[in-house]
Amino acid sequence: MSYAVIRTGGKQYRVSPGLTLAVEKLDGKVGDPVAFHEVLLTSDDNGLRVGDPLLEDSTVDGVIVGQNRGRRILVYKKKRRKNYRRRQGHRQYETTVQVTEIH
């Protein structure tokens, strides 16, 4: 089974063909192709290749299958005995990508 480790949005993901994952927001519409050029590692029948820090000749291709927002996160601040309370919610924009091919 072949897989790769890519970096996008400040995070690293282990991906393989056919996998669907949610990453930080990428520009594009549903159905648009997307390519990840920051490939850190690949593994296939020929063995393991590790970049230093990136592999120059490797890319991971995918298709955008959704543009949505993640789950709600609550941020709560309080100072005791001062009657200071603040509550704020946040939902991060995210893109759902289906990986099609590893080069």
C-alpha atoms as a PDB file:
ATOM      1  CA  MET A   1       0.000   0.000   0.000  1.00  0.00           C
ATOM      2  CA  SER A   2       1.460   3.347  -1.002  1.00  0.00           C
ATOM      3  CA  TYR A   3       1.169   6.428   1.156  1.00  0.00           C
ATOM      4  CA  ALA A   4       2.721   9.851   1.583  1.00  0.00           C
ATOM      5  CA  VAL A   5       3.115  12.479   4.291  1.00  0.00           C
ATOM      6  CA  ILE A   6       2.187  15.985   3.133  1.00  0.00           C
ATOM      7  CA  ARG A   7       2.270  19.384   4.794  1.00  0.00           C
ATOM      8  CA  THR A   8      -0.538  21.912   4.326  1.00  0.00           C
ATOM      9  CA  GLY A   9      -1.985  24.585   6.552  1.00  0.00           C
ATOM     10  CA  GLY A  10       0.837  24.188   9.075  1.00  0.00           C
ATOM     11  CA  LYS A  11      -0.081  20.540   9.745  1.00  0.00           C
ATOM     12  CA  GLN A  12       1.129  17.187   8.459  1.00  0.00           C
ATOM     13  CA  TYR A  13      -1.151  14.460   7.101  1.00  0.00           C
ATOM     14  CA  ARG A  14      -0.548  10.830   6.169  1.00  0.00           C
ATOM     15  CA  VAL A  15      -2.489  10.250   2.944  1.00  0.00           C
ATOM     16  CA  SER A  16      -3.069   7.394   0.527  1.00  0.00           C
ATOM     17  CA  PRO A  17      -5.055   7.189  -2.728  1.00  0.00           C
ATOM     18  CA  GLY A  18      -8.810   7.210  -2.097  1.00  0.00           C
ATOM     19  CA  LEU A  19      -8.541   8.837   1.335  1.00  0.00           C
ATOM     20  CA  THR A  20     -10.840  11.764   2.150  1.00  0.00           C
ATOM     21  CA  LEU A  21      -9.543  14.307   4.666  1.00  0.00           C
ATOM     22  CA  ALA A  22     -10.388  17.769   5.988  1.00  0.00           C
ATOM     23  CA  VAL A  23      -7.591  20.367   5.755  1.00  0.00           C
ATOM     24  CA  GLU A  24      -7.329  24.103   6.346  1.00  0.00           C
ATOM     25  CA  LYS A  25      -9.252  26.184   3.804  1.00  0.00           C
ATOM     26  CA  LEU A  26      -7.958  26.015   0.232  1.00  0.00           C
ATOM     27  CA  ASP A  27      -9.106  28.255  -2.601  1.00  0.00           C
ATOM     28  CA  GLY A  28     -11.283  26.512  -5.163  1.00  0.00           C
ATOM     29  CA  LYS A  29     -14.736  25.151  -5.824  1.00  0.00           C
ATOM     30  CA  VAL A  30     -16.140  21.655  -5.431  1.00  0.00           C
ATOM     31  CA  GLY A  31     -14.760  19.478  -8.224  1.00  0.00           C
ATOM     32  CA  ASP A  32     -11.580  21.531  -8.750  1.00  0.00           C
ATOM     33  CA  PRO A  33      -8.278  19.618  -8.763  1.00  0.00           C
ATOM     34  CA  VAL A  34      -5.699  20.427  -6.099  1.00  0.00           C
ATOM     35  CA  ALA A  35      -2.008  19.474  -5.896  1.00  0.00           C
ATOM     36  CA  PHE A  36       0.119  19.315  -2.763  1.00  0.00           C
ATOM     37  CA  HIS A  37       3.782  19.994  -3.521  1.00  0.00           C
ATOM     38  CA  GLU A  38       5.093  19.892   0.046  1.00  0.00           C
ATOM     39  CA  VAL A  39       5.656  16.142   0.255  1.00  0.00           C
ATOM     40  CA  LEU A  40       7.819  15.038   3.185  1.00  0.00           C
ATOM     41  CA  LEU A  41       7.816  11.259   2.706  1.00  0.00           C
ATOM     42  CA  THR A  42       6.564   8.624   0.276  1.00  0.00           C
ATOM     43  CA  SER A  43       6.281   4.878   0.574  1.00  0.00           C
ATOM     44  CA  ASP A  44       5.483   2.392  -2.202  1.00  0.00           C
ATOM     45  CA  ASP A  45       6.631  -0.976  -3.537  1.00  0.00           C
ATOM     46  CA  ASN A  46      10.133   0.414  -4.164  1.00  0.00           C
ATOM     47  CA  GLY A  47      10.604   1.372  -0.514  1.00  0.00           C
ATOM     48  CA  LEU A  48      10.575   4.454   1.658  1.00  0.00           C
ATOM     49  CA  ARG A  49      11.814   7.868   0.450  1.00  0.00           C
ATOM     50  CA  VAL A  50      12.339  10.617   3.015  1.00  0.00           C
ATOM     51  CA  GLY A  51      12.882  14.252   2.047  1.00  0.00           C
ATOM     52  CA  ASP A  52      15.362  16.685   3.510  1.00  0.00           C
ATOM     53  CA  PRO A  53      12.937  18.291   4.400  1.00  0.00           C
ATOM     54  CA  LEU A  54      10.908  17.994   1.150  1.00  0.00           C
ATOM     55  CA  LEU A  55      10.946  15.600  -1.794  1.00  0.00           C
ATOM     56  CA  GLU A  56      11.513  17.750  -4.881  1.00  0.00           C
ATOM     57  CA  ASP A  57       9.998  15.450  -7.521  1.00  0.00           C
ATOM     58  CA  SER A  58       6.886  14.265  -5.643  1.00  0.00           C
ATOM     59  CA  THR A  59       3.353  15.637  -5.659  1.00  0.00           C
ATOM     60  CA  VAL A  60       0.028  14.456  -4.287  1.00  0.00           C
ATOM     61  CA  ASP A  61      -3.046  15.120  -6.435  1.00  0.00           C
ATOM     62  CA  GLY A  62      -6.601  15.377  -5.181  1.00  0.00           C
ATOM     63  CA  VAL A  63     -10.075  16.753  -5.840  1.00  0.00           C
ATOM     64  CA  ILE A  64     -12.028  19.178  -3.659  1.00  0.00           C
ATOM     65  CA  VAL A  65     -15.236  17.465  -2.523  1.00  0.00           C
ATOM     66  CA  GLY A  66     -16.482  20.067  -0.041  1.00  0.00           C
ATOM     67  CA  GLN A  67     -16.045  23.571   1.368  1.00  0.00           C
ATOM     68  CA  ASN A  68     -17.482  23.835   4.879  1.00  0.00           C
ATOM     69  CA  ARG A  69     -16.783  24.860   8.461  1.00  0.00           C
ATOM     70  CA  GLY A  70     -15.499  22.731  11.309  1.00  0.00           C
ATOM     71  CA  ARG A  71     -17.074  22.118  14.676  1.00  0.00           C
ATOM     72  CA  ARG A  72     -17.679  24.970  17.085  1.00  0.00           C
ATOM     73  CA  ILE A  73     -14.961  25.820  19.609  1.00  0.00           C
ATOM     74  CA  LEU A  74     -15.791  27.916  22.676  1.00  0.00           C
ATOM     75  CA  VAL A  75     -13.281  30.389  24.081  1.00  0.00           C
ATOM     76  CA  TYR A  76     -14.057  31.441  27.658  1.00  0.00           C
ATOM     77  CA  LYS A  77     -12.211  34.095  29.691  1.00  0.00           C
ATOM     78  CA  LYS A  78     -12.822  34.877  33.361  1.00  0.00           C
ATOM     79  CA  LYS A  79     -11.183  36.877  36.143  1.00  0.00           C
ATOM     80  CA  ARG A  80     -12.211  35.792  39.572  1.00  0.00           C
ATOM     81  CA  ARG A  81     -13.926  38.247  41.935  1.00  0.00           C
ATOM     82  CA  LYS A  82     -13.978  40.966  39.242  1.00  0.00           C
ATOM     83  CA  ASN A  83     -17.280  40.081  37.516  1.00  0.00           C
ATOM     84  CA  TYR A  84     -15.365  39.704  34.222  1.00  0.00           C
ATOM     85  CA  ARG A  85     -16.644  36.930  31.957  1.00  0.00           C
ATOM     86  CA  ARG A  86     -16.364  36.670  28.173  1.00  0.00           C
ATOM     87  CA  ARG A  87     -17.527  33.826  25.955  1.00  0.00           C
ATOM     88  CA  GLN A  88     -16.772  33.655  22.257  1.00  0.00           C
ATOM     89  CA  GLY A  89     -17.329  30.925  19.675  1.00  0.00           C
ATOM     90  CA  HIS A  90     -15.270  30.104  16.600  1.00  0.00           C
ATOM     91  CA  ARG A  91     -15.741  27.814  13.591  1.00  0.00           C
ATOM     92  CA  GLN A  92     -12.730  27.333  11.329  1.00  0.00           C
ATOM     93  CA  TYR A  93     -13.236  27.146   7.561  1.00  0.00           C
ATOM     94  CA  GLU A  94     -12.044  23.840   6.127  1.00  0.00           C
ATOM     95  CA  THR A  95     -11.839  22.068   2.793  1.00  0.00           C
ATOM     96  CA  THR A  96     -12.569  18.380   2.303  1.00  0.00           C
ATOM     97  CA  VAL A  97     -10.182  16.794  -0.208  1.00  0.00           C
ATOM     98  CA  GLN A  98     -10.185  13.314  -1.721  1.00  0.00           C
ATOM     99  CA  VAL A  99      -6.685  12.114  -2.648  1.00  0.00           C
ATOM    100  CA  THR A 100      -6.537  10.620  -6.129  1.00  0.00           C
ATOM    101  CA  GLU A 101      -2.869   9.957  -6.908  1.00  0.00           C
ATOM    102  CA  ILE A 102       0.646  10.085  -5.453  1.00  0.00           C
ATOM    103  CA  HIS A 103       3.476  10.863  -7.878  1.00  0.00           C
END
